[in-house]
Amino acid sequence: MTIAAQVLIADQISNDQAAGIAAEFTSIGLAVDLRIVAPKRSFGDVAWLVLAALPLQPFISRLAEDAADDVHDRLKTFVNRVLHRQSAGSQSKPILVLQDTLSGVRVVLEPDLPADSYRQLLSLDLTTIRHGPLHYDMHRRRWRSELDEEHGTPPAPGAHTDRRAGR
């Protein structure tokens, strides 16, 4: 079963770069509808953005089935390959945002996140996130949604446990 992903890139990149990013998504079993939009940046904007809208839980489950024990390594490799394809002239920080098409929850992925962050992400119950976005806090070494915390929603459970059987 192929999972559909709508990918939006907010930067001017070449056709070759776009094809390379599309190939990265295809390599992990996603059918990609890739669109490039002109960046609408103000002086304060610092991110090079790739937004991928897809059903996150089926995507994570598929990765787990395909990659078994090294699923977190496969996700980390995928994220780093996509983010390191940013345009050569860009001075901004690359960010990949995965947006769940069912709940709207966004997961913000930055380059060079530690391996443990991917292990935690793959074990999180994303249905507990109400407001999002979810990002990895390097200082606290856990995923968190500041908006959920502000609204009194406790931190996402399962950050240090793996709910998949046998893992």
Foldseek 3Di string as FASTA:
>chain_A
DAWEKEKEWADDDDPVLQVQLCVLCVVLRHDYDYDYDHHDDDPPDFEGEIEIETAPVVSLVSLCVVVPPCSLVSVLVSQQSNQVSPDPPHPGFYWYWYAHPPQREIEIDGHPDDSLASVLVSQFDVVLDRDDHWYADPVVRWIAGVVCVVVVRDGTPRSPHHPDPPD
